Amino acid sequence: VLPRLGEMEVEVCEESVHHMLANLPQICREDKGFWERLRDLEFIPTASGKLARAQDLYDPSVEELQDLLEGGEFYPAKSFTKPELIGILLRLGLRTSLDRSGVVQVAYSISRSDSSMDLNEVIHRAKKLVLFLSKNPGLLWEQ
């Protein structure tokens, strides 16, 4: 099922992933390597409708991130934001803070803003990123 998630209707995909996460303890008992393979698999539906790895997404409950990460590409789909599911996603690598690659991802997202977006909103997001970087200047120099 996991390799075909991208081919499924959104509702069926989300239901399948919910079922798998609900049975994760049993699956991991039967297959000791499943957890590690899952960490590298794009299986989590995002708020924008794509599939992503947990380590490529951010915890939607972190307020600092909400100011910078606007758009569904950064977060799990709404049905995956329940505390018990966030706990599982955190163990799989869900991010709770921005690192250098996250800053670049935000900047790229802002630069991709198309003409249908309100220019004032794009400028507002860019200003938030600059403010964040002024408070966290070391992020640009991390390796």
C-alpha atoms as a PDB file:
ATOM      1  CA  VAL A   1       0.000   0.000   0.000  1.00  0.00           C
ATOM      2  CA  LEU A   2       2.737   2.505   0.932  1.00  0.00           C
ATOM      3  CA  PRO A   3       4.323   2.653  -2.544  1.00  0.00           C
ATOM      4  CA  ARG A   4       0.897   3.418  -4.089  1.00  0.00           C
ATOM      5  CA  LEU A   5      -0.203   6.167  -1.653  1.00  0.00           C
ATOM      6  CA  GLY A   6       0.450   8.889  -4.215  1.00  0.00           C
ATOM      7  CA  GLU A   7      -1.961   7.241  -6.653  1.00  0.00           C
ATOM      8  CA  MET A   8      -4.857   7.123  -4.175  1.00  0.00           C
ATOM      9  CA  GLU A   9      -7.644   9.626  -3.627  1.00  0.00           C
ATOM     10  CA  VAL A  10      -6.771  12.015  -0.783  1.00  0.00           C
ATOM     11  CA  GLU A  11      -9.345  10.566   1.626  1.00  0.00           C
ATOM     12  CA  VAL A  12      -8.308   6.960   0.945  1.00  0.00           C
ATOM     13  CA  CYS A  13      -4.635   7.874   1.294  1.00  0.00           C
ATOM     14  CA  GLU A  14      -5.182   9.620   4.634  1.00  0.00           C
ATOM     15  CA  GLU A  15      -7.338   6.760   5.916  1.00  0.00           C
ATOM     16  CA  SER A  16      -4.672   4.216   4.929  1.00  0.00           C
ATOM     17  CA  VAL A  17      -1.905   6.160   6.684  1.00  0.00           C
ATOM     18  CA  HIS A  18      -4.090   6.634   9.782  1.00  0.00           C
ATOM     19  CA  HIS A  19      -4.717   2.886   9.879  1.00  0.00           C
ATOM     20  CA  MET A  20      -1.004   2.144   9.506  1.00  0.00           C
ATOM     21  CA  LEU A  21      -0.061   4.614  12.282  1.00  0.00           C
ATOM     22  CA  ALA A  22      -2.716   3.173  14.579  1.00  0.00           C
ATOM     23  CA  ASN A  23      -1.175  -0.270  14.064  1.00  0.00           C
ATOM     24  CA  LEU A  24       2.436   0.896  14.095  1.00  0.00           C
ATOM     25  CA  PRO A  25       3.396  -0.795  17.390  1.00  0.00           C
ATOM     26  CA  GLN A  26       2.204  -4.171  16.088  1.00  0.00           C
ATOM     27  CA  ILE A  27       3.842  -3.661  12.687  1.00  0.00           C
ATOM     28  CA  CYS A  28       7.158  -2.725  14.335  1.00  0.00           C
ATOM     29  CA  ARG A  29       7.035  -5.809  16.572  1.00  0.00           C
ATOM     30  CA  GLU A  30       6.625  -7.981  13.508  1.00  0.00           C
ATOM     31  CA  ASP A  31       9.221  -6.135  11.417  1.00  0.00           C
ATOM     32  CA  LYS A  32      12.069  -4.648  13.479  1.00  0.00           C
ATOM     33  CA  GLY A  33      13.375  -2.546  10.579  1.00  0.00           C
ATOM     34  CA  PHE A  34      10.021  -1.009   9.637  1.00  0.00           C
ATOM     35  CA  TRP A  35      10.438   2.081  11.817  1.00  0.00           C
ATOM     36  CA  GLU A  36      13.755   3.041  10.204  1.00  0.00           C
ATOM     37  CA  ARG A  37      12.430   2.465   6.684  1.00  0.00           C
ATOM     38  CA  LEU A  38       9.378   4.564   7.521  1.00  0.00           C
ATOM     39  CA  ARG A  39      11.600   7.503   8.531  1.00  0.00           C
ATOM     40  CA  ASP A  40      12.877   7.782   4.946  1.00  0.00           C
ATOM     41  CA  LEU A  41       9.555   7.253   3.203  1.00  0.00           C
ATOM     42  CA  GLU A  42       7.315  10.006   1.800  1.00  0.00           C
ATOM     43  CA  PHE A  43       4.011   8.792   3.213  1.00  0.00           C
ATOM     44  CA  ILE A  44       2.580  11.669   5.262  1.00  0.00           C
ATOM     45  CA  PRO A  45      -0.085  13.664   3.444  1.00  0.00           C
ATOM     46  CA  THR A  46       0.614  17.382   3.652  1.00  0.00           C
ATOM     47  CA  ALA A  47      -1.858  20.221   3.944  1.00  0.00           C
ATOM     48  CA  SER A  48      -1.115  20.989   0.270  1.00  0.00           C
ATOM     49  CA  GLY A  49      -2.055  17.449  -0.780  1.00  0.00           C
ATOM     50  CA  LYS A  50       1.410  16.032  -1.480  1.00  0.00           C
ATOM     51  CA  LEU A  51       3.243  13.250   0.365  1.00  0.00           C
ATOM     52  CA  ALA A  52       6.334  13.997   2.447  1.00  0.00           C
ATOM     53  CA  ARG A  53       8.702  12.472   4.984  1.00  0.00           C
ATOM     54  CA  ALA A  54       8.167  13.518   8.599  1.00  0.00           C
ATOM     55  CA  GLN A  55      11.640  15.076   8.642  1.00  0.00           C
ATOM     56  CA  ASP A  56      10.601  17.399   5.798  1.00  0.00           C
ATOM     57  CA  LEU A  57       7.597  18.762   7.698  1.00  0.00           C
ATOM     58  CA  TYR A  58       7.113  20.990  10.734  1.00  0.00           C
ATOM     59  CA  ASP A  59       5.030  20.762  13.885  1.00  0.00           C
ATOM     60  CA  PRO A  60       2.021  23.048  13.284  1.00  0.00           C
ATOM     61  CA  SER A  61       1.638  23.716  17.012  1.00  0.00           C
ATOM     62  CA  VAL A  62       4.938  25.648  17.269  1.00  0.00           C
ATOM     63  CA  GLU A  63       3.924  29.321  17.186  1.00  0.00           C
ATOM     64  CA  GLU A  64       7.280  30.623  15.962  1.00  0.00           C
ATOM     65  CA  LEU A  65       6.967  28.406  12.911  1.00  0.00           C
ATOM     66  CA  GLN A  66       3.410  29.505  12.196  1.00  0.00           C
ATOM     67  CA  ASP A  67       4.703  33.022  11.600  1.00  0.00           C
ATOM     68  CA  LEU A  68       7.183  31.867   8.971  1.00  0.00           C
ATOM     69  CA  LEU A  69       5.799  28.720   7.421  1.00  0.00           C
ATOM     70  CA  GLU A  70       2.640  29.714   5.650  1.00  0.00           C
ATOM     71  CA  GLY A  71       1.339  27.204   3.213  1.00  0.00           C
ATOM     72  CA  GLY A  72       0.372  23.583   3.274  1.00  0.00           C
ATOM     73  CA  GLU A  73       3.663  22.311   1.891  1.00  0.00           C
ATOM     74  CA  PHE A  74       5.294  22.687   5.331  1.00  0.00           C
ATOM     75  CA  TYR A  75       2.776  20.872   7.539  1.00  0.00           C
ATOM     76  CA  PRO A  76       1.069  17.492   7.841  1.00  0.00           C
ATOM     77  CA  ALA A  77      -2.556  17.418   6.688  1.00  0.00           C
ATOM     78  CA  LYS A  78      -5.019  18.626   9.313  1.00  0.00           C
ATOM     79  CA  SER A  79      -6.138  15.087  10.157  1.00  0.00           C
ATOM     80  CA  PHE A  80      -2.551  14.352  11.304  1.00  0.00           C
ATOM     81  CA  THR A  81      -2.337  17.185  13.838  1.00  0.00           C
ATOM     82  CA  LYS A  82      -3.918  15.326  16.765  1.00  0.00           C
ATOM     83  CA  PRO A  83      -1.514  15.129  19.733  1.00  0.00           C
ATOM     84  CA  GLU A  84      -1.149  11.346  19.554  1.00  0.00           C
ATOM     85  CA  LEU A  85      -0.256  11.506  15.852  1.00  0.00           C
ATOM     86  CA  ILE A  86       2.084  14.469  16.316  1.00  0.00           C
ATOM     87  CA  GLY A  87       3.910  12.369  18.931  1.00  0.00           C
ATOM     88  CA  ILE A  88       4.470   9.598  16.391  1.00  0.00           C
ATOM     89  CA  LEU A  89       5.506  12.082  13.709  1.00  0.00           C
ATOM     90  CA  LEU A  90       7.973  13.707  16.114  1.00  0.00           C
ATOM     91  CA  ARG A  91       9.598  10.316  16.660  1.00  0.00           C
ATOM     92  CA  LEU A  92       9.802   9.979  12.879  1.00  0.00           C
ATOM     93  CA  GLY A  93      11.599  13.335  12.589  1.00  0.00           C
ATOM     94  CA  LEU A  94       8.899  16.036  12.435  1.00  0.00           C
ATOM     95  CA  ARG A  95      10.721  19.346  12.872  1.00  0.00           C
ATOM     96  CA  THR A  96      10.018  21.741  15.723  1.00  0.00           C
ATOM     97  CA  SER A  97      12.446  24.490  14.727  1.00  0.00           C
ATOM     98  CA  LEU A  98      14.067  25.961  11.650  1.00  0.00           C
ATOM     99  CA  ASP A  99      17.600  25.075  10.689  1.00  0.00           C
ATOM    100  CA  ARG A 100      19.595  26.438   7.768  1.00  0.00           C
ATOM    101  CA  SER A 101      17.848  24.217   5.222  1.00  0.00           C
ATOM    102  CA  GLY A 102      14.473  25.278   6.626  1.00  0.00           C
ATOM    103  CA  VAL A 103      15.378  28.947   6.246  1.00  0.00           C
ATOM    104  CA  VAL A 104      16.357  28.310   2.633  1.00  0.00           C
ATOM    105  CA  GLN A 105      13.095  26.419   2.098  1.00  0.00           C
ATOM    106  CA  VAL A 106      11.083  29.373   3.473  1.00  0.00           C
ATOM    107  CA  ALA A 107      13.012  31.852   1.332  1.00  0.00           C
ATOM    108  CA  TYR A 108      12.441  29.675  -1.733  1.00  0.00           C
ATOM    109  CA  SER A 109       8.732  29.446  -0.942  1.00  0.00           C
ATOM    110  CA  ILE A 110       8.516  33.232  -0.702  1.00  0.00           C
ATOM    111  CA  SER A 111      10.401  33.659  -3.983  1.00  0.00           C
ATOM    112  CA  ARG A 112       8.008  31.230  -5.727  1.00  0.00           C
ATOM    113  CA  SER A 113       4.996  33.325  -4.792  1.00  0.00           C
ATOM    114  CA  ASP A 114       3.022  33.825  -7.954  1.00  0.00           C
ATOM    115  CA  SER A 115       1.195  36.847  -9.275  1.00  0.00           C
ATOM    116  CA  SER A 116      -2.126  35.643  -7.846  1.00  0.00           C
ATOM    117  CA  MET A 117      -0.812  36.231  -4.307  1.00  0.00           C
ATOM    118  CA  ASP A 118      -1.265  39.583  -2.655  1.00  0.00           C
ATOM    119  CA  LEU A 119       2.029  41.466  -2.962  1.00  0.00           C
ATOM    120  CA  ASN A 120       1.607  42.885   0.546  1.00  0.00           C
ATOM    121  CA  GLU A 121       1.326  39.342   1.916  1.00  0.00           C
ATOM    122  CA  VAL A 122       4.507  38.280   0.119  1.00  0.00           C
ATOM    123  CA  ILE A 123       6.326  41.335   1.502  1.00  0.00           C
ATOM    124  CA  HIS A 124       4.951  40.586   4.983  1.00  0.00           C
ATOM    125  CA  ARG A 125       6.290  37.016   4.830  1.00  0.00           C
ATOM    126  CA  ALA A 126       9.684  38.247   3.604  1.00  0.00           C
ATOM    127  CA  LYS A 127       9.857  40.730   6.486  1.00  0.00           C
ATOM    128  CA  LYS A 128       9.030  37.958   8.969  1.00  0.00           C
ATOM    129  CA  LEU A 129      11.889  35.896   7.580  1.00  0.00           C
ATOM    130  CA  VAL A 130      14.326  38.813   7.833  1.00  0.00           C
ATOM    131  CA  LEU A 131      13.200  39.464  11.416  1.00  0.00           C
ATOM    132  CA  PHE A 132      13.648  35.773  12.272  1.00  0.00           C
ATOM    133  CA  LEU A 133      17.148  35.808  10.780  1.00  0.00           C
ATOM    134  CA  SER A 134      18.063  38.971  12.682  1.00  0.00           C
ATOM    135  CA  LYS A 135      17.150  37.122  15.902  1.00  0.00           C
ATOM    136  CA  ASN A 136      18.936  33.925  14.777  1.00  0.00           C
ATOM    137  CA  PRO A 137      21.927  35.066  12.702  1.00  0.00           C
ATOM    138  CA  GLY A 138      23.896  31.863  13.286  1.00  0.00           C
ATOM    139  CA  LEU A 139      21.428  29.827  11.233  1.00  0.00           C
ATOM    140  CA  LEU A 140      22.915  31.088   8.002  1.00  0.00           C
ATOM    141  CA  TRP A 141      26.353  29.838   8.926  1.00  0.00           C
ATOM    142  CA  GLU A 142      25.400  26.354  10.166  1.00  0.00           C
ATOM    143  CA  GLN A 143      26.701  23.359   8.279  1.00  0.00           C
END
